[in-house]
């Protein structure tokens, strides 16, 4: 975002944010959205995709200054590990869990990310 007012819309007072990310393998397009809550971040990511079909979008929580995504939809962080929230099947009118952090609570962040990509690939094949 280009200024502090826009940043304030999606960063909590503690400097943390939710980052939702999706990847469209057929076009190699990554899309993402930030939010002060996971639903807003997921909805912002879906809107950024410019798609009108169900998509798999994953969400994590972490420090805004250290949380990012790569060109291929991978989570990237600089210091503190992000907290995985879940993977969600998102449509224009709904958000439903595909894999929640409760299911993956014994996973490391890297294992969670691999699960995310597995779910995204299955979503693209269906």
N, C-alpha and C. Protein backbone atom coordinates (compact mmCIF):
# COMPACT_ATOMS: atom_id res chain seq x y z
N UNK A 1 0.84 -1.18 0.00
CA UNK A 1 0.00 0.00 0.00
C UNK A 1 0.88 1.24 0.00
N UNK A 2 0.33 2.31 -0.45
CA UNK A 2 1.16 3.48 -0.71
C UNK A 2 1.30 4.45 0.44
N UNK A 3 0.41 4.41 1.44
CA UNK A 3 0.57 5.36 2.52
C UNK A 3 0.13 4.76 3.85
N UNK A 4 0.43 5.50 4.95
CA UNK A 4 0.14 4.98 6.29
C UNK A 4 -1.35 4.81 6.54
N UNK A 5 -2.20 5.67 5.97
CA UNK A 5 -3.65 5.52 6.16
C UNK A 5 -4.14 4.20 5.58
N UNK A 6 -3.65 3.83 4.40
CA UNK A 6 -4.04 2.56 3.80
C UNK A 6 -3.48 1.40 4.62
N UNK A 7 -2.25 1.54 5.12
CA UNK A 7 -1.64 0.51 5.96
C UNK A 7 -2.47 0.31 7.21
N UNK A 8 -2.95 1.37 7.81
CA UNK A 8 -3.76 1.28 9.03
C UNK A 8 -5.03 0.47 8.84
N UNK A 9 -5.50 0.38 7.61
CA UNK A 9 -6.72 -0.38 7.34
C UNK A 9 -6.52 -1.87 7.55
N UNK A 10 -5.31 -2.36 7.39
CA UNK A 10 -5.11 -3.80 7.51
C UNK A 10 -4.06 -4.23 8.53
N UNK A 11 -3.46 -3.31 9.25
CA UNK A 11 -2.48 -3.66 10.28
C UNK A 11 -3.05 -3.31 11.65
N UNK A 12 -2.99 -4.28 12.55
CA UNK A 12 -3.47 -4.07 13.91
C UNK A 12 -2.53 -3.15 14.67
N UNK A 13 -2.97 -2.63 15.80
CA UNK A 13 -2.16 -1.70 16.58
C UNK A 13 -0.86 -2.35 17.09
N UNK A 14 -0.82 -3.68 17.17
CA UNK A 14 0.39 -4.38 17.61
C UNK A 14 1.36 -4.67 16.45
N UNK A 15 1.04 -4.18 15.25
CA UNK A 15 1.90 -4.37 14.09
C UNK A 15 1.67 -5.69 13.36
N UNK A 16 0.68 -6.45 13.81
CA UNK A 16 0.38 -7.75 13.19
C UNK A 16 -0.72 -7.60 12.14
N UNK A 17 -0.76 -8.54 11.20
CA UNK A 17 -1.76 -8.53 10.16
C UNK A 17 -2.08 -9.96 9.73
N UNK A 18 -3.17 -10.14 9.04
CA UNK A 18 -3.50 -11.39 8.40
C UNK A 18 -3.17 -11.24 6.92
N UNK A 19 -2.50 -12.23 6.36
CA UNK A 19 -2.17 -12.24 4.95
C UNK A 19 -2.82 -13.48 4.34
N UNK A 20 -3.65 -13.26 3.34
CA UNK A 20 -4.30 -14.36 2.61
C UNK A 20 -3.72 -14.40 1.21
N UNK A 21 -3.39 -15.60 0.72
CA UNK A 21 -2.69 -15.75 -0.55
C UNK A 21 -3.31 -16.89 -1.36
N UNK A 22 -3.36 -16.68 -2.66
CA UNK A 22 -3.77 -17.73 -3.58
C UNK A 22 -2.86 -17.72 -4.79
N UNK A 23 -2.90 -18.80 -5.55
CA UNK A 23 -2.05 -18.93 -6.73
C UNK A 23 -2.84 -19.64 -7.82
N UNK A 24 -2.79 -19.09 -9.02
CA UNK A 24 -3.45 -19.69 -10.18
C UNK A 24 -2.38 -20.30 -11.07
N UNK A 25 -2.14 -21.61 -10.95
CA UNK A 25 -1.04 -22.23 -11.70
C UNK A 25 -1.19 -22.13 -13.21
N UNK A 26 -2.42 -22.15 -13.72
CA UNK A 26 -2.60 -22.12 -15.18
C UNK A 26 -2.13 -20.80 -15.78
N UNK A 27 -2.11 -19.74 -15.00
CA UNK A 27 -1.63 -18.45 -15.49
C UNK A 27 -0.42 -17.94 -14.73
N UNK A 28 0.04 -18.71 -13.74
CA UNK A 28 1.18 -18.33 -12.88
C UNK A 28 0.96 -16.97 -12.22
N UNK A 29 -0.26 -16.74 -11.76
CA UNK A 29 -0.61 -15.49 -11.10
C UNK A 29 -0.78 -15.72 -9.61
N UNK A 30 -0.12 -14.90 -8.81
CA UNK A 30 -0.30 -14.90 -7.36
C UNK A 30 -1.17 -13.71 -7.00
N UNK A 31 -2.10 -13.92 -6.09
CA UNK A 31 -2.93 -12.82 -5.60
C UNK A 31 -2.97 -12.89 -4.08
N UNK A 32 -3.14 -11.76 -3.44
CA UNK A 32 -3.11 -11.72 -1.99
C UNK A 32 -3.95 -10.57 -1.48
N UNK A 33 -4.21 -10.62 -0.17
CA UNK A 33 -4.93 -9.55 0.50
C UNK A 33 -4.55 -9.52 1.96
N UNK A 34 -4.49 -8.33 2.52
CA UNK A 34 -4.23 -8.14 3.95
C UNK A 34 -5.53 -7.78 4.64
N UNK A 35 -5.57 -7.98 5.96
CA UNK A 35 -6.72 -7.56 6.74
C UNK A 35 -6.40 -7.60 8.23
N UNK A 36 -7.17 -6.85 9.01
CA UNK A 36 -7.02 -6.91 10.46
C UNK A 36 -7.66 -8.16 11.03
N UNK A 37 -8.45 -8.85 10.21
CA UNK A 37 -9.05 -10.12 10.59
C UNK A 37 -8.93 -11.06 9.40
N UNK A 38 -9.03 -12.37 9.63
CA UNK A 38 -8.82 -13.31 8.52
C UNK A 38 -9.87 -13.22 7.43
N UNK A 39 -11.13 -12.96 7.77
CA UNK A 39 -12.19 -12.91 6.76
C UNK A 39 -11.94 -11.76 5.79
N UNK A 40 -11.57 -10.60 6.31
CA UNK A 40 -11.27 -9.46 5.45
C UNK A 40 -10.08 -9.76 4.54
N UNK A 41 -9.05 -10.35 5.09
CA UNK A 41 -7.87 -10.69 4.29
C UNK A 41 -8.23 -11.67 3.17
N UNK A 42 -9.02 -12.70 3.52
CA UNK A 42 -9.42 -13.71 2.53
C UNK A 42 -10.29 -13.07 1.45
N UNK A 43 -11.24 -12.25 1.85
CA UNK A 43 -12.12 -11.58 0.88
C UNK A 43 -11.30 -10.65 -0.02
N UNK A 44 -10.35 -9.90 0.56
CA UNK A 44 -9.50 -9.01 -0.24
C UNK A 44 -8.66 -9.81 -1.25
N UNK A 45 -8.16 -10.97 -0.84
CA UNK A 45 -7.39 -11.80 -1.76
C UNK A 45 -8.27 -12.30 -2.90
N UNK A 46 -9.47 -12.77 -2.57
CA UNK A 46 -10.37 -13.27 -3.62
C UNK A 46 -10.68 -12.17 -4.63
N UNK A 47 -10.97 -10.97 -4.13
CA UNK A 47 -11.27 -9.85 -5.03
C UNK A 47 -10.07 -9.50 -5.89
N UNK A 48 -8.86 -9.65 -5.35
CA UNK A 48 -7.65 -9.35 -6.11
C UNK A 48 -7.38 -10.38 -7.21
N UNK A 49 -8.02 -11.54 -7.13
CA UNK A 49 -7.80 -12.59 -8.13
C UNK A 49 -8.51 -12.29 -9.45
N UNK A 50 -9.56 -11.46 -9.41
CA UNK A 50 -10.39 -11.16 -10.58
C UNK A 50 -11.01 -12.42 -11.18
N UNK A 51 -11.19 -13.46 -10.36
CA UNK A 51 -11.81 -14.70 -10.80
C UNK A 51 -13.26 -14.73 -10.32
N UNK A 52 -14.06 -15.51 -10.99
CA UNK A 52 -15.46 -15.69 -10.59
C UNK A 52 -15.75 -17.18 -10.46
N UNK A 53 -14.83 -17.89 -9.82
CA UNK A 53 -14.98 -19.33 -9.60
C UNK A 53 -14.43 -19.65 -8.22
N UNK A 54 -14.74 -20.83 -7.68
CA UNK A 54 -14.19 -21.20 -6.37
C UNK A 54 -12.66 -21.27 -6.42
N UNK A 55 -12.03 -20.74 -5.39
CA UNK A 55 -10.57 -20.75 -5.30
C UNK A 55 -10.14 -21.22 -3.92
N UNK A 56 -8.97 -21.83 -3.85
CA UNK A 56 -8.35 -22.17 -2.57
C UNK A 56 -7.45 -21.00 -2.17
N UNK A 57 -7.69 -20.47 -0.99
CA UNK A 57 -6.90 -19.35 -0.47
C UNK A 57 -6.46 -19.70 0.94
N UNK A 58 -5.19 -19.50 1.23
CA UNK A 58 -4.70 -19.79 2.57
C UNK A 58 -4.40 -18.49 3.30
N UNK A 59 -4.41 -18.57 4.62
CA UNK A 59 -4.27 -17.38 5.44
C UNK A 59 -3.30 -17.64 6.60
N UNK A 60 -2.48 -16.64 6.90
CA UNK A 60 -1.54 -16.71 8.02
C UNK A 60 -1.58 -15.38 8.77
N UNK A 61 -1.10 -15.39 10.01
CA UNK A 61 -1.09 -14.21 10.87
C UNK A 61 0.34 -13.95 11.31
N UNK A 62 0.81 -12.71 11.18
CA UNK A 62 2.16 -12.40 11.61
C UNK A 62 2.46 -10.92 11.56
N UNK A 63 3.70 -10.60 11.81
CA UNK A 63 4.17 -9.22 11.83
C UNK A 63 4.16 -8.66 10.41
N UNK A 64 3.48 -7.54 10.22
CA UNK A 64 3.35 -6.94 8.90
C UNK A 64 4.69 -6.68 8.23
N UNK A 65 5.67 -6.22 9.00
CA UNK A 65 6.97 -5.87 8.43
C UNK A 65 7.82 -7.09 8.06
N UNK A 66 7.38 -8.28 8.45
CA UNK A 66 8.17 -9.47 8.20
C UNK A 66 7.41 -10.55 7.44
N UNK A 67 6.17 -10.29 7.05
CA UNK A 67 5.32 -11.27 6.40
C UNK A 67 5.08 -10.87 4.95
N UNK A 68 5.29 -11.80 4.04
CA UNK A 68 5.15 -11.49 2.62
C UNK A 68 4.84 -12.78 1.87
N UNK A 69 4.59 -12.65 0.57
CA UNK A 69 4.44 -13.84 -0.26
C UNK A 69 5.31 -13.69 -1.49
N UNK A 70 5.70 -14.83 -2.06
CA UNK A 70 6.55 -14.81 -3.24
C UNK A 70 5.68 -14.75 -4.49
N UNK A 71 6.34 -14.65 -5.64
CA UNK A 71 5.62 -14.61 -6.92
C UNK A 71 4.83 -15.88 -7.18
N UNK A 72 5.20 -16.97 -6.53
CA UNK A 72 4.53 -18.24 -6.77
C UNK A 72 3.61 -18.65 -5.62
N UNK A 73 3.19 -17.69 -4.81
CA UNK A 73 2.21 -17.95 -3.77
C UNK A 73 2.75 -18.60 -2.52
N UNK A 74 4.05 -18.59 -2.33
CA UNK A 74 4.63 -19.15 -1.11
C UNK A 74 4.71 -18.08 -0.03
N UNK A 75 4.48 -18.48 1.19
CA UNK A 75 4.63 -17.57 2.33
C UNK A 75 6.11 -17.31 2.55
N UNK A 76 6.43 -16.07 2.82
CA UNK A 76 7.80 -15.67 3.09
C UNK A 76 7.80 -14.84 4.36
N UNK A 77 8.75 -15.10 5.25
CA UNK A 77 8.87 -14.30 6.46
C UNK A 77 10.33 -14.08 6.75
N UNK A 78 10.62 -13.00 7.49
CA UNK A 78 12.00 -12.60 7.71
C UNK A 78 12.54 -13.05 9.05
N UNK A 79 11.75 -12.98 10.09
CA UNK A 79 12.25 -13.37 11.42
C UNK A 79 11.25 -14.31 12.10
N UNK A 80 10.24 -13.77 12.68
CA UNK A 80 9.28 -14.53 13.47
C UNK A 80 8.39 -15.40 12.57
N UNK A 81 8.22 -16.67 12.95
CA UNK A 81 7.36 -17.56 12.18
C UNK A 81 5.92 -17.07 12.23
N UNK A 82 5.23 -17.07 11.09
CA UNK A 82 3.81 -16.70 11.08
C UNK A 82 2.97 -17.82 11.69
N UNK A 83 1.77 -17.48 12.09
CA UNK A 83 0.83 -18.45 12.63
C UNK A 83 -0.13 -18.85 11.51
N UNK A 84 -0.14 -20.13 11.10
CA UNK A 84 -1.08 -20.53 10.06
C UNK A 84 -2.51 -20.49 10.58
N UNK A 85 -3.41 -19.93 9.80
CA UNK A 85 -4.82 -19.85 10.17
C UNK A 85 -5.60 -20.97 9.50
N UNK A 86 -5.40 -21.16 8.21
CA UNK A 86 -6.08 -22.23 7.50
C UNK A 86 -6.11 -22.01 6.01
N UNK A 87 -6.65 -23.01 5.32
CA UNK A 87 -6.88 -22.95 3.88
C UNK A 87 -8.38 -22.95 3.69
N UNK A 88 -8.86 -22.10 2.80
CA UNK A 88 -10.30 -21.90 2.66
C UNK A 88 -10.72 -22.00 1.20
N UNK A 89 -11.87 -22.61 0.98
CA UNK A 89 -12.50 -22.60 -0.33
C UNK A 89 -13.35 -21.34 -0.38
N UNK A 90 -13.06 -20.47 -1.34
CA UNK A 90 -13.69 -19.16 -1.39
C UNK A 90 -14.45 -18.99 -2.70
N UNK A 91 -15.67 -18.50 -2.59
CA UNK A 91 -16.45 -18.12 -3.76
C UNK A 91 -16.87 -16.67 -3.57
N UNK A 92 -17.58 -16.14 -4.54
CA UNK A 92 -18.05 -14.76 -4.45
C UNK A 92 -18.89 -14.53 -3.20
N UNK A 93 -19.64 -15.56 -2.77
CA UNK A 93 -20.58 -15.40 -1.66
C UNK A 93 -20.27 -16.21 -0.42
N UNK A 94 -19.18 -16.99 -0.41
CA UNK A 94 -18.93 -17.82 0.76
C UNK A 94 -17.45 -18.07 0.99
N UNK A 95 -17.13 -18.38 2.25
CA UNK A 95 -15.79 -18.79 2.66
C UNK A 95 -15.98 -20.00 3.56
N UNK A 96 -15.41 -21.14 3.16
CA UNK A 96 -15.54 -22.34 3.98
C UNK A 96 -14.17 -22.97 4.18
N UNK A 97 -13.92 -23.55 5.36
CA UNK A 97 -12.60 -24.12 5.63
C UNK A 97 -12.32 -25.37 4.81
N UNK A 98 -11.10 -25.45 4.29
CA UNK A 98 -10.63 -26.65 3.63
C UNK A 98 -9.62 -27.35 4.54
N UNK A 99 -8.81 -26.59 5.25
CA UNK A 99 -7.88 -27.09 6.26
C UNK A 99 -7.71 -25.97 7.27
N UNK A 100 -8.10 -26.22 8.50
CA UNK A 100 -7.96 -25.18 9.52
C UNK A 100 -6.71 -25.43 10.35
N UNK A 101 -6.28 -24.43 11.05
CA UNK A 101 -5.11 -24.55 11.91
C UNK A 101 -5.34 -25.61 12.99
N UNK A 102 -6.59 -25.83 13.38
CA UNK A 102 -6.88 -26.86 14.38
C UNK A 102 -6.53 -28.24 13.85
N UNK A 103 -6.78 -28.48 12.57
CA UNK A 103 -6.43 -29.77 11.97
C UNK A 103 -4.92 -29.90 11.85
N UNK A 104 -4.24 -28.79 11.62
CA UNK A 104 -2.80 -28.83 11.38
C UNK A 104 -1.98 -28.35 12.55
N UNK A 105 -2.56 -28.35 13.75
CA UNK A 105 -1.88 -27.73 14.89
C UNK A 105 -0.54 -28.38 15.24
N UNK A 106 -0.33 -29.61 14.83
CA UNK A 106 0.94 -30.25 15.12
C UNK A 106 1.93 -30.09 13.97
N UNK A 107 1.51 -29.36 12.93
CA UNK A 107 2.37 -29.14 11.77
C UNK A 107 3.32 -27.97 12.02
N UNK A 108 4.49 -28.06 11.40
CA UNK A 108 5.35 -26.89 11.36
C UNK A 108 4.79 -25.95 10.30
N UNK A 109 5.28 -24.74 10.26
CA UNK A 109 4.80 -23.79 9.25
C UNK A 109 5.12 -24.32 7.85
N UNK A 110 6.28 -24.91 7.65
CA UNK A 110 6.64 -25.44 6.33
C UNK A 110 5.72 -26.59 5.93
N UNK A 111 5.36 -27.46 6.88
CA UNK A 111 4.43 -28.56 6.59
C UNK A 111 3.05 -28.00 6.24
N UNK A 112 2.65 -26.96 6.95
CA UNK A 112 1.37 -26.32 6.66
C UNK A 112 1.36 -25.76 5.25
N UNK A 113 2.44 -25.10 4.86
CA UNK A 113 2.53 -24.51 3.52
C UNK A 113 2.46 -25.62 2.47
N UNK A 114 3.12 -26.75 2.71
CA UNK A 114 3.04 -27.86 1.75
C UNK A 114 1.60 -28.36 1.64
N UNK A 115 0.89 -28.44 2.76
CA UNK A 115 -0.53 -28.84 2.74
C UNK A 115 -1.35 -27.85 1.93
N UNK A 116 -1.05 -26.58 2.08
CA UNK A 116 -1.74 -25.53 1.31
C UNK A 116 -1.57 -25.78 -0.17
N UNK A 117 -0.36 -26.01 -0.60
CA UNK A 117 -0.11 -26.20 -2.03
C UNK A 117 -0.75 -27.49 -2.55
N UNK A 118 -0.78 -28.53 -1.73
CA UNK A 118 -1.47 -29.76 -2.12
C UNK A 118 -2.95 -29.51 -2.34
N UNK A 119 -3.57 -28.76 -1.43
CA UNK A 119 -5.01 -28.45 -1.55
C UNK A 119 -5.26 -27.58 -2.78
N UNK A 120 -4.40 -26.60 -3.02
CA UNK A 120 -4.55 -25.71 -4.18
C UNK A 120 -4.46 -26.51 -5.47
N UNK A 121 -3.53 -27.45 -5.55
CA UNK A 121 -3.41 -28.28 -6.75
C UNK A 121 -4.66 -29.12 -6.97
N UNK A 122 -5.21 -29.72 -5.91
CA UNK A 122 -6.43 -30.50 -6.03
C UNK A 122 -7.59 -29.63 -6.49
N UNK A 123 -7.65 -28.40 -5.96
CA UNK A 123 -8.72 -27.46 -6.34
C UNK A 123 -8.63 -27.14 -7.82
N UNK A 124 -7.44 -26.95 -8.33
CA UNK A 124 -7.27 -26.62 -9.75
C UNK A 124 -7.63 -27.79 -10.65
N UNK A 125 -7.44 -29.02 -10.17
CA UNK A 125 -7.73 -30.20 -10.97
C UNK A 125 -9.22 -30.51 -11.02
N UNK A 126 -10.00 -30.00 -10.06
CA UNK A 126 -11.44 -30.29 -10.04
C UNK A 126 -12.24 -29.29 -10.84
